[in-house]
C-alpha atoms as a PDB file:
ATOM      1  CA  MET A   1     102.099 -45.513   6.508  1.00  0.00           C
ATOM      2  CA  LYS A   2      98.972 -45.151   4.490  1.00  0.00           C
ATOM      3  CA  LEU A   3      95.642 -44.937   6.062  1.00  0.00           C
ATOM      4  CA  ILE A   4      94.659 -48.187   4.260  1.00  0.00           C
ATOM      5  CA  ASP A   5      97.772 -50.074   5.575  1.00  0.00           C
ATOM      6  CA  ALA A   6      96.769 -48.862   9.202  1.00  0.00           C
ATOM      7  CA  TYR A   7      93.489 -50.065   8.827  1.00  0.00           C
ATOM      8  CA  ARG A   8      94.562 -53.482   7.645  1.00  0.00           C
ATOM      9  CA  GLU A   9      97.123 -53.665  10.341  1.00  0.00           C
ATOM     10  CA  THR A  10      94.397 -52.999  13.091  1.00  0.00           C
ATOM     11  CA  ILE A  11      91.980 -55.524  11.760  1.00  0.00           C
ATOM     12  CA  ARG A  12      94.795 -58.058  11.719  1.00  0.00           C
ATOM     13  CA  LEU A  13      95.593 -57.399  15.343  1.00  0.00           C
ATOM     14  CA  PHE A  14      92.032 -57.125  16.393  1.00  0.00           C
ATOM     15  CA  ARG A  15      90.841 -60.152  14.731  1.00  0.00           C
ATOM     16  CA  ASP A  16      89.695 -63.053  16.892  1.00  0.00           C
ATOM     17  CA  LYS A  17      90.317 -60.956  19.877  1.00  0.00           C
ATOM     18  CA  ILE A  18      87.984 -57.858  19.729  1.00  0.00           C
ATOM     19  CA  PRO A  19      84.197 -58.485  18.709  1.00  0.00           C
ATOM     20  CA  ASN A  20      83.106 -56.286  15.729  1.00  0.00           C
ATOM     21  CA  PHE A  21      86.876 -55.972  14.920  1.00  0.00           C
ATOM     22  CA  GLN A  22      86.313 -54.429  11.557  1.00  0.00           C
ATOM     23  CA  LEU A  23      84.093 -51.646  13.164  1.00  0.00           C
ATOM     24  CA  GLU A  24      86.387 -51.207  16.272  1.00  0.00           C
ATOM     25  CA  ALA A  25      89.428 -50.700  13.797  1.00  0.00           C
ATOM     26  CA  LEU A  26      87.497 -47.817  11.829  1.00  0.00           C
ATOM     27  CA  LEU A  27      86.633 -46.348  15.399  1.00  0.00           C
ATOM     28  CA  ILE A  28      90.252 -46.247  16.631  1.00  0.00           C
ATOM     29  CA  LEU A  29      91.256 -44.807  13.157  1.00  0.00           C
ATOM     30  CA  SER A  30      88.321 -42.215  13.463  1.00  0.00           C
ATOM     31  CA  LEU A  31      89.242 -41.238  17.085  1.00  0.00           C
ATOM     32  CA  VAL A  32      92.868 -40.668  16.181  1.00  0.00           C
ATOM     33  CA  LEU A  33      92.201 -38.502  13.093  1.00  0.00           C
ATOM     34  CA  ASP A  34      89.182 -36.838  14.632  1.00  0.00           C
ATOM     35  CA  LYS A  35      87.185 -37.783  11.516  1.00  0.00           C
ATOM     36  CA  PRO A  36      84.022 -39.729  10.874  1.00  0.00           C
ATOM     37  CA  LYS A  37      84.161 -43.328   9.927  1.00  0.00           C
ATOM     38  CA  GLU A  38      83.183 -42.523   6.124  1.00  0.00           C
ATOM     39  CA  TYR A  39      86.378 -40.331   6.062  1.00  0.00           C
ATOM     40  CA  ILE A  40      88.320 -43.244   6.574  1.00  0.00           C
ATOM     41  CA  LEU A  41      86.951 -45.400   3.868  1.00  0.00           C
ATOM     42  CA  ALA A  42      86.826 -42.718   1.488  1.00  0.00           C
ATOM     43  CA  HIS A  43      90.571 -41.436   2.065  1.00  0.00           C
ATOM     44  CA  GLN A  44      92.327 -44.870   2.126  1.00  0.00           C
ATOM     45  CA  GLU A  45      95.394 -43.584   0.311  1.00  0.00           C
ATOM     46  CA  SER A  46      96.054 -40.566   2.679  1.00  0.00           C
ATOM     47  CA  GLU A  47      99.474 -40.728   4.498  1.00  0.00           C
ATOM     48  CA  LEU A  48      99.476 -40.660   8.188  1.00  0.00           C
ATOM     49  CA  SER A  49     102.059 -38.677  10.132  1.00  0.00           C
ATOM     50  CA  GLU A  50     104.500 -40.499  12.415  1.00  0.00           C
ATOM     51  CA  ALA A  51     102.587 -39.039  15.555  1.00  0.00           C
ATOM     52  CA  GLU A  52      99.288 -40.589  14.081  1.00  0.00           C
ATOM     53  CA  VAL A  53     100.855 -43.818  13.715  1.00  0.00           C
ATOM     54  CA  GLU A  54     102.272 -43.937  16.994  1.00  0.00           C
ATOM     55  CA  LYS A  55      98.902 -42.959  18.580  1.00  0.00           C
ATOM     56  CA  ILE A  56      97.059 -45.513  16.650  1.00  0.00           C
ATOM     57  CA  ARG A  57      99.467 -48.240  17.882  1.00  0.00           C
ATOM     58  CA  GLU A  58      99.089 -46.901  21.519  1.00  0.00           C
ATOM     59  CA  LEU A  59      95.455 -47.113  21.322  1.00  0.00           C
ATOM     60  CA  ILE A  60      95.512 -50.596  19.777  1.00  0.00           C
ATOM     61  CA  ASP A  61      97.673 -51.888  22.671  1.00  0.00           C
ATOM     62  CA  LYS A  62      95.304 -50.485  25.189  1.00  0.00           C
ATOM     63  CA  ARG A  63      92.237 -51.912  23.442  1.00  0.00           C
ATOM     64  CA  LEU A  64      93.797 -55.374  23.254  1.00  0.00           C
ATOM     65  CA  SER A  65      94.698 -55.105  26.939  1.00  0.00           C
ATOM     66  CA  GLY A  66      91.055 -54.868  27.766  1.00  0.00           C
ATOM     67  CA  ILE A  67      90.430 -51.289  28.230  1.00  0.00           C
ATOM     68  CA  PRO A  68      86.922 -50.399  26.787  1.00  0.00           C
ATOM     69  CA  TYR A  69      86.605 -48.107  23.665  1.00  0.00           C
ATOM     70  CA  ALA A  70      84.595 -45.833  25.729  1.00  0.00           C
ATOM     71  CA  TYR A  71      87.448 -45.085  28.067  1.00  0.00           C
ATOM     72  CA  LEU A  72      89.708 -44.413  24.993  1.00  0.00           C
ATOM     73  CA  LYS A  73      87.317 -41.905  23.640  1.00  0.00           C
ATOM     74  CA  LYS A  74      86.286 -40.593  26.996  1.00  0.00           C
ATOM     75  CA  GLU A  75      82.720 -40.570  25.937  1.00  0.00           C
ATOM     76  CA  LYS A  76      79.581 -42.770  25.850  1.00  0.00           C
ATOM     77  CA  GLU A  77      76.202 -42.204  24.390  1.00  0.00           C
ATOM     78  CA  PHE A  78      73.216 -42.912  26.564  1.00  0.00           C
ATOM     79  CA  PHE A  79      69.582 -42.224  25.637  1.00  0.00           C
ATOM     80  CA  GLY A  80      70.854 -40.447  22.459  1.00  0.00           C
ATOM     81  CA  ILE A  81      72.876 -37.993  24.516  1.00  0.00           C
ATOM     82  CA  ARG A  82      76.708 -38.042  24.682  1.00  0.00           C
ATOM     83  CA  PHE A  83      78.465 -38.223  28.062  1.00  0.00           C
ATOM     84  CA  SER A  84      81.891 -37.873  29.181  1.00  0.00           C
ATOM     85  CA  VAL A  85      83.167 -40.872  30.990  1.00  0.00           C
ATOM     86  CA  GLU A  86      86.748 -41.561  32.457  1.00  0.00           C
ATOM     87  CA  GLU A  87      88.614 -44.704  33.813  1.00  0.00           C
ATOM     88  CA  GLY A  88      87.386 -45.027  37.292  1.00  0.00           C
ATOM     89  CA  VAL A  89      83.796 -44.195  36.470  1.00  0.00           C
ATOM     90  CA  LEU A  90      81.075 -46.828  35.385  1.00  0.00           C
ATOM     91  CA  ILE A  91      80.332 -46.807  31.664  1.00  0.00           C
ATOM     92  CA  PRO A  92      76.682 -46.346  30.953  1.00  0.00           C
ATOM     93  CA  ARG A  93      74.664 -49.264  29.927  1.00  0.00           C
ATOM     94  CA  PRO A  94      71.721 -49.540  27.520  1.00  0.00           C
ATOM     95  CA  GLU A  95      69.911 -51.587  30.223  1.00  0.00           C
ATOM     96  CA  THR A  96      69.733 -48.474  32.406  1.00  0.00           C
ATOM     97  CA  GLU A  97      67.840 -46.591  29.718  1.00  0.00           C
ATOM     98  CA  THR A  98      64.755 -48.799  31.082  1.00  0.00           C
ATOM     99  CA  LEU A  99      64.789 -47.026  34.281  1.00  0.00           C
ATOM    100  CA  VAL A 100      64.916 -43.621  32.575  1.00  0.00           C
ATOM    101  CA  GLU A 101      61.951 -44.503  30.298  1.00  0.00           C
ATOM    102  CA  ILE A 102      59.829 -45.401  33.381  1.00  0.00           C
ATOM    103  CA  VAL A 103      60.619 -42.352  34.966  1.00  0.00           C
ATOM    104  CA  LEU A 104      59.623 -40.139  32.086  1.00  0.00           C
ATOM    105  CA  LYS A 105      56.457 -41.821  31.699  1.00  0.00           C
ATOM    106  CA  MET A 106      55.606 -41.231  35.326  1.00  0.00           C
ATOM    107  CA  GLY A 107      56.680 -37.544  35.593  1.00  0.00           C
ATOM    108  CA  PRO A 108      57.263 -34.869  35.373  1.00  0.00           C
ATOM    109  CA  PHE A 109      58.872 -34.320  38.800  1.00  0.00           C
ATOM    110  CA  THR A 110      59.901 -31.538  40.766  1.00  0.00           C
ATOM    111  CA  LYS A 111      62.764 -32.690  42.874  1.00  0.00           C
ATOM    112  CA  GLY A 112      64.952 -35.679  42.009  1.00  0.00           C
ATOM    113  CA  LEU A 113      67.543 -37.481  44.002  1.00  0.00           C
ATOM    114  CA  ASP A 114      70.163 -40.139  42.389  1.00  0.00           C
ATOM    115  CA  LEU A 115      71.878 -42.162  45.146  1.00  0.00           C
ATOM    116  CA  PHE A 116      74.643 -43.626  42.949  1.00  0.00           C
ATOM    117  CA  CYS A 117      74.965 -41.054  40.264  1.00  0.00           C
ATOM    118  CA  GLY A 118      78.178 -42.302  38.730  1.00  0.00           C
ATOM    119  CA  SER A 119      78.817 -39.981  35.689  1.00  0.00           C
ATOM    120  CA  GLY A 120      75.423 -38.352  36.223  1.00  0.00           C
ATOM    121  CA  ILE A 121      73.658 -40.014  33.332  1.00  0.00           C
ATOM    122  CA  ILE A 122      70.169 -40.841  34.922  1.00  0.00           C
ATOM    123  CA  GLY A 123      69.505 -37.545  36.500  1.00  0.00           C
ATOM    124  CA  LEU A 124      70.808 -35.638  33.736  1.00  0.00           C
ATOM    125  CA  THR A 125      69.074 -37.296  31.014  1.00  0.00           C
ATOM    126  CA  ILE A 126      65.775 -36.873  32.962  1.00  0.00           C
ATOM    127  CA  LEU A 127      66.586 -33.326  33.403  1.00  0.00           C
ATOM    128  CA  TYR A 128      67.518 -32.928  29.644  1.00  0.00           C
ATOM    129  CA  SER A 129      64.188 -34.574  28.575  1.00  0.00           C
ATOM    130  CA  ASN A 130      62.267 -32.248  31.008  1.00  0.00           C
ATOM    131  CA  GLY A 131      61.356 -34.992  33.404  1.00  0.00           C
ATOM    132  CA  CYS A 132      62.200 -32.969  36.380  1.00  0.00           C
ATOM    133  CA  LYS A 133      62.972 -29.585  37.514  1.00  0.00           C
ATOM    134  CA  GLU A 134      66.007 -30.338  39.518  1.00  0.00           C
ATOM    135  CA  PHE A 135      68.339 -33.229  40.592  1.00  0.00           C
ATOM    136  CA  THR A 136      70.706 -33.995  43.511  1.00  0.00           C
ATOM    137  CA  GLY A 137      73.558 -36.579  42.831  1.00  0.00           C
ATOM    138  CA  ILE A 138      75.076 -38.760  45.320  1.00  0.00           C
ATOM    139  CA  ASP A 139      78.277 -40.912  45.145  1.00  0.00           C
ATOM    140  CA  ILE A 140      81.010 -41.984  47.163  1.00  0.00           C
ATOM    141  CA  SER A 141      83.730 -41.435  44.485  1.00  0.00           C
ATOM    142  CA  GLN A 142      85.070 -37.865  43.870  1.00  0.00           C
ATOM    143  CA  LYS A 143      86.137 -38.803  40.271  1.00  0.00           C
ATOM    144  CA  CYS A 144      82.300 -39.640  39.713  1.00  0.00           C
ATOM    145  CA  ILE A 145      81.307 -36.214  41.414  1.00  0.00           C
ATOM    146  CA  ASP A 146      83.841 -34.337  38.941  1.00  0.00           C
ATOM    147  CA  VAL A 147      82.655 -36.097  35.753  1.00  0.00           C
ATOM    148  CA  SER A 148      78.960 -35.624  36.779  1.00  0.00           C
ATOM    149  CA  ILE A 149      79.640 -31.669  37.130  1.00  0.00           C
ATOM    150  CA  ALA A 150      81.473 -31.755  33.791  1.00  0.00           C
ATOM    151  CA  ASN A 151      78.538 -33.401  32.202  1.00  0.00           C
ATOM    152  CA  ALA A 152      75.990 -31.079  33.772  1.00  0.00           C
ATOM    153  CA  SER A 153      78.014 -28.199  32.470  1.00  0.00           C
ATOM    154  CA  ARG A 154      78.379 -29.656  28.861  1.00  0.00           C
ATOM    155  CA  LEU A 155      74.334 -30.214  28.785  1.00  0.00           C
ATOM    156  CA  GLY A 156      73.719 -26.629  30.293  1.00  0.00           C
ATOM    157  CA  LEU A 157      72.330 -28.146  33.318  1.00  0.00           C
ATOM    158  CA  ILE A 158      74.656 -27.178  36.083  1.00  0.00           C
ATOM    159  CA  ASN A 159      72.035 -24.723  37.574  1.00  0.00           C
ATOM    160  CA  ARG A 160      69.601 -27.305  38.157  1.00  0.00           C
ATOM    161  CA  THR A 161      71.931 -29.803  39.662  1.00  0.00           C
ATOM    162  CA  ARG A 162      73.789 -30.463  42.777  1.00  0.00           C
ATOM    163  CA  PHE A 163      76.260 -33.206  43.467  1.00  0.00           C
ATOM    164  CA  ILE A 164      77.491 -34.438  46.866  1.00  0.00           C
ATOM    165  CA  MET A 165      80.456 -37.005  47.657  1.00  0.00           C
ATOM    166  CA  ALA A 166      78.850 -39.148  50.321  1.00  0.00           C
ATOM    167  CA  ASP A 167      78.600 -42.774  51.313  1.00  0.00           C
ATOM    168  CA  ILE A 168      74.743 -43.917  51.482  1.00  0.00           C
ATOM    169  CA  ARG A 169      75.632 -45.833  54.503  1.00  0.00           C
ATOM    170  CA  SER A 170      76.335 -42.944  56.593  1.00  0.00           C
ATOM    171  CA  LEU A 171      73.835 -40.470  54.399  1.00  0.00           C
ATOM    172  CA  SER A 172      71.674 -38.098  56.147  1.00  0.00           C
ATOM    173  CA  LEU A 173      69.518 -36.068  54.232  1.00  0.00           C
ATOM    174  CA  GLU A 174      66.966 -33.677  55.766  1.00  0.00           C
ATOM    175  CA  GLU A 175      64.801 -32.934  52.792  1.00  0.00           C
ATOM    176  CA  ASP A 176      62.282 -34.611  50.742  1.00  0.00           C
ATOM    177  CA  PHE A 177      62.114 -35.628  47.148  1.00  0.00           C
ATOM    178  CA  ASP A 178      59.304 -36.488  44.860  1.00  0.00           C
ATOM    179  CA  LEU A 179      61.530 -38.847  42.810  1.00  0.00           C
ATOM    180  CA  ILE A 180      64.286 -41.275  44.032  1.00  0.00           C
ATOM    181  CA  VAL A 181      66.401 -43.253  41.424  1.00  0.00           C
ATOM    182  CA  ALA A 182      69.357 -45.547  42.058  1.00  0.00           C
ATOM    183  CA  ASN A 183      71.739 -47.772  40.085  1.00  0.00           C
ATOM    184  CA  PRO A 184      73.856 -49.543  42.886  1.00  0.00           C
ATOM    185  CA  PRO A 185      76.446 -52.016  42.543  1.00  0.00           C
ATOM    186  CA  TYR A 186      74.509 -55.469  42.311  1.00  0.00           C
ATOM    187  CA  ILE A 187      76.886 -58.062  41.143  1.00  0.00           C
ATOM    188  CA  PRO A 188      77.784 -60.601  43.698  1.00  0.00           C
ATOM    189  CA  ASP A 189      81.418 -60.600  44.746  1.00  0.00           C
ATOM    190  CA  ASP A 190      82.030 -64.202  43.754  1.00  0.00           C
ATOM    191  CA  ARG A 191      81.218 -63.351  40.253  1.00  0.00           C
ATOM    192  CA  TRP A 192      83.914 -60.920  39.691  1.00  0.00           C
ATOM    193  CA  ASN A 193      86.400 -63.447  37.892  1.00  0.00           C
ATOM    194  CA  GLU A 194      83.431 -64.557  35.430  1.00  0.00           C
ATOM    195  CA  LEU A 195      83.095 -61.051  34.180  1.00  0.00           C
ATOM    196  CA  ASP A 196      84.249 -60.172  30.705  1.00  0.00           C
ATOM    197  CA  ARG A 197      87.763 -58.521  30.695  1.00  0.00           C
ATOM    198  CA  GLU A 198      86.539 -55.167  29.676  1.00  0.00           C
ATOM    199  CA  VAL A 199      84.049 -55.146  32.409  1.00  0.00           C
ATOM    200  CA  ARG A 200      86.602 -55.880  34.982  1.00  0.00           C
ATOM    201  CA  SER A 201      88.361 -52.697  33.646  1.00  0.00           C
ATOM    202  CA  GLU A 202      85.700 -50.742  35.344  1.00  0.00           C
ATOM    203  CA  PRO A 203      85.774 -49.796  39.096  1.00  0.00           C
ATOM    204  CA  ARG A 204      84.877 -52.711  41.354  1.00  0.00           C
ATOM    205  CA  GLU A 205      83.155 -50.511  43.725  1.00  0.00           C
ATOM    206  CA  ALA A 206      80.787 -49.493  41.123  1.00  0.00           C
ATOM    207  CA  LEU A 207      79.906 -53.237  40.234  1.00  0.00           C
ATOM    208  CA  LEU A 208      80.065 -55.560  43.301  1.00  0.00           C
ATOM    209  CA  GLY A 209      77.263 -55.385  45.854  1.00  0.00           C
ATOM    210  CA  GLY A 210      78.398 -58.053  48.331  1.00  0.00           C
ATOM    211  CA  LYS A 211      78.117 -61.791  48.801  1.00  0.00           C
ATOM    212  CA  GLU A 212      74.535 -61.683  47.125  1.00  0.00           C
ATOM    213  CA  GLY A 213      74.745 -58.272  45.205  1.00  0.00           C
ATOM    214  CA  LEU A 214      72.145 -57.096  47.646  1.00  0.00           C
ATOM    215  CA  ASP A 215      74.119 -54.915  50.290  1.00  0.00           C
ATOM    216  CA  PHE A 216      72.988 -51.543  49.224  1.00  0.00           C
ATOM    217  CA  TYR A 217      69.410 -52.174  48.821  1.00  0.00           C
ATOM    218  CA  PRO A 218      68.537 -51.940  52.573  1.00  0.00           C
ATOM    219  CA  GLU A 219      70.184 -48.468  52.576  1.00  0.00           C
ATOM    220  CA  ILE A 220      68.272 -47.566  49.409  1.00  0.00           C
ATOM    221  CA  ALA A 221      64.949 -48.588  50.860  1.00  0.00           C
ATOM    222  CA  LYS A 222      65.862 -46.544  54.052  1.00  0.00           C
ATOM    223  CA  VAL A 223      66.432 -43.399  52.062  1.00  0.00           C
ATOM    224  CA  ILE A 224      63.152 -43.918  50.055  1.00  0.00           C
ATOM    225  CA  SER A 225      61.106 -44.560  53.427  1.00  0.00           C
ATOM    226  CA  LYS A 226      62.568 -41.367  55.065  1.00  0.00           C
ATOM    227  CA  ASN A 227      62.997 -38.817  52.289  1.00  0.00           C
ATOM    228  CA  LEU A 228      60.423 -39.772  49.364  1.00  0.00           C
ATOM    229  CA  VAL A 229      57.156 -37.601  49.652  1.00  0.00           C
ATOM    230  CA  ARG A 230      53.644 -39.288  49.639  1.00  0.00           C
ATOM    231  CA  GLU A 231      52.857 -40.172  46.023  1.00  0.00           C
ATOM    232  CA  GLY A 232      56.483 -39.983  45.157  1.00  0.00           C
ATOM    233  CA  VAL A 233      57.997 -42.324  42.816  1.00  0.00           C
ATOM    234  CA  PHE A 234      61.128 -44.564  42.996  1.00  0.00           C
ATOM    235  CA  ALA A 235      63.029 -46.539  40.581  1.00  0.00           C
ATOM    236  CA  VAL A 236      65.965 -48.866  41.262  1.00  0.00           C
ATOM    237  CA  GLU A 237      68.180 -51.007  38.851  1.00  0.00           C
ATOM    238  CA  ILE A 238      68.638 -54.682  39.783  1.00  0.00           C
ATOM    239  CA  GLY A 239      70.521 -57.490  38.700  1.00  0.00           C
ATOM    240  CA  GLY A 240      68.061 -60.057  37.370  1.00  0.00           C
ATOM    241  CA  LYS A 241      65.315 -62.462  38.392  1.00  0.00           C
ATOM    242  CA  ASP A 242      67.350 -64.105  41.106  1.00  0.00           C
ATOM    243  CA  GLN A 243      67.136 -60.906  43.120  1.00  0.00           C
ATOM    244  CA  VAL A 244      63.565 -59.851  42.582  1.00  0.00           C
ATOM    245  CA  ASP A 245      61.839 -61.620  45.566  1.00  0.00           C
ATOM    246  CA  LYS A 246      64.863 -60.728  48.078  1.00  0.00           C
ATOM    247  CA  ILE A 247      64.634 -57.124  47.112  1.00  0.00           C
ATOM    248  CA  ARG A 248      60.834 -57.051  47.469  1.00  0.00           C
ATOM    249  CA  GLN A 249      61.280 -58.373  50.972  1.00  0.00           C
ATOM    250  CA  ILE A 250      63.909 -55.787  51.675  1.00  0.00           C
ATOM    251  CA  PHE A 251      61.788 -52.966  50.719  1.00  0.00           C
ATOM    252  CA  LYS A 252      58.690 -54.448  52.408  1.00  0.00           C
ATOM    253  CA  ASP A 253      60.671 -54.313  55.645  1.00  0.00           C
ATOM    254  CA  TYR A 254      60.731 -50.678  55.139  1.00  0.00           C
ATOM    255  CA  ASN A 255      57.058 -50.768  54.571  1.00  0.00           C
ATOM    256  CA  ILE A 256      57.451 -50.184  50.794  1.00  0.00           C
ATOM    257  CA  ILE A 257      54.805 -52.518  49.557  1.00  0.00           C
ATOM    258  CA  ASN A 258      53.847 -51.124  45.915  1.00  0.00           C
ATOM    259  CA  VAL A 259      56.905 -52.540  44.117  1.00  0.00           C
ATOM    260  CA  ASN A 260      56.582 -53.242  40.303  1.00  0.00           C
ATOM    261  CA  VAL A 261      59.183 -54.976  38.088  1.00  0.00           C
ATOM    262  CA  GLU A 262      60.175 -53.989  34.768  1.00  0.00           C
ATOM    263  CA  ASN A 263      62.107 -55.968  32.408  1.00  0.00           C
ATOM    264  CA  ASP A 264      64.768 -54.678  29.933  1.00  0.00           C
ATOM    265  CA  LEU A 265      64.790 -55.288  26.314  1.00  0.00           C
ATOM    266  CA  ASN A 266      66.444 -58.517  26.895  1.00  0.00           C
ATOM    267  CA  GLY A 267      63.583 -59.750  29.045  1.00  0.00           C
ATOM    268  CA  ILE A 268      65.456 -59.654  32.144  1.00  0.00           C
ATOM    269  CA  PRO A 269      63.827 -57.990  35.263  1.00  0.00           C
ATOM    270  CA  ARG A 270      66.006 -54.777  35.535  1.00  0.00           C
ATOM    271  CA  VAL A 271      64.089 -52.138  37.520  1.00  0.00           C
ATOM    272  CA  ILE A 272      61.921 -52.195  40.560  1.00  0.00           C
ATOM    273  CA  TRP A 273      59.716 -49.045  41.030  1.00  0.00           C
ATOM    274  CA  GLY A 274      56.577 -47.699  42.459  1.00  0.00           C
ATOM    275  CA  ARG A 275      54.863 -44.978  44.386  1.00  0.00           C
ATOM    276  CA  ILE A 276      54.918 -44.517  48.145  1.00  0.00           C
END
């Protein structure tokens, strides 16, 4: 099979099923051949091996089944940095860059804590951008811890990081931090079936936050009130305007009064932050 024929077949199968189907077709071919998209367009008459054709069709089937492209590539860009991701680990979102931007404006910091580190993107991006000297990442998932460690190694930051598998609901840290960040699960449980099929390919436990999506915010507030030093900064991602007042009250219950709200690029309230 020629490259142009594989491209046309992929477009035909993706049409009406995958957004930006032409681009995604190029991405699939680029991934299999390990070549840039420009190569695909410039070498349309090239012959593919049987193994390459088989791999292309395998990835097409996976993509059509709802598996996100990031899981196929095992990589996602965040804040201009390439991070490894795997199935079972939340895929980085552009919205989370709002949180990182706030922290970088407020820093630099000495000792940071990420309470739901996932693939490690928040803490590692802040470190990579010289916004903090060292970071501790917490996650309940061993897979997330493993991916975070791999990303720290890849970026040359392993000596400035520590990753701990733990449940925030039973977390007991006897040390202080001048920066605490968190991107907890905040989607209400009853919205699961409304989510895009691709999103539902990601781990439920990284997305769903209980009846109102607020289950983890008291735990976050508890850690902030105990482990954040005076004049320290916190920044926490939230699920939109419907949660703002309730989360403010949760934080107030822990004597965290100075709470600001920052919108993402879509104008949606996305981060609560402040100084103690």
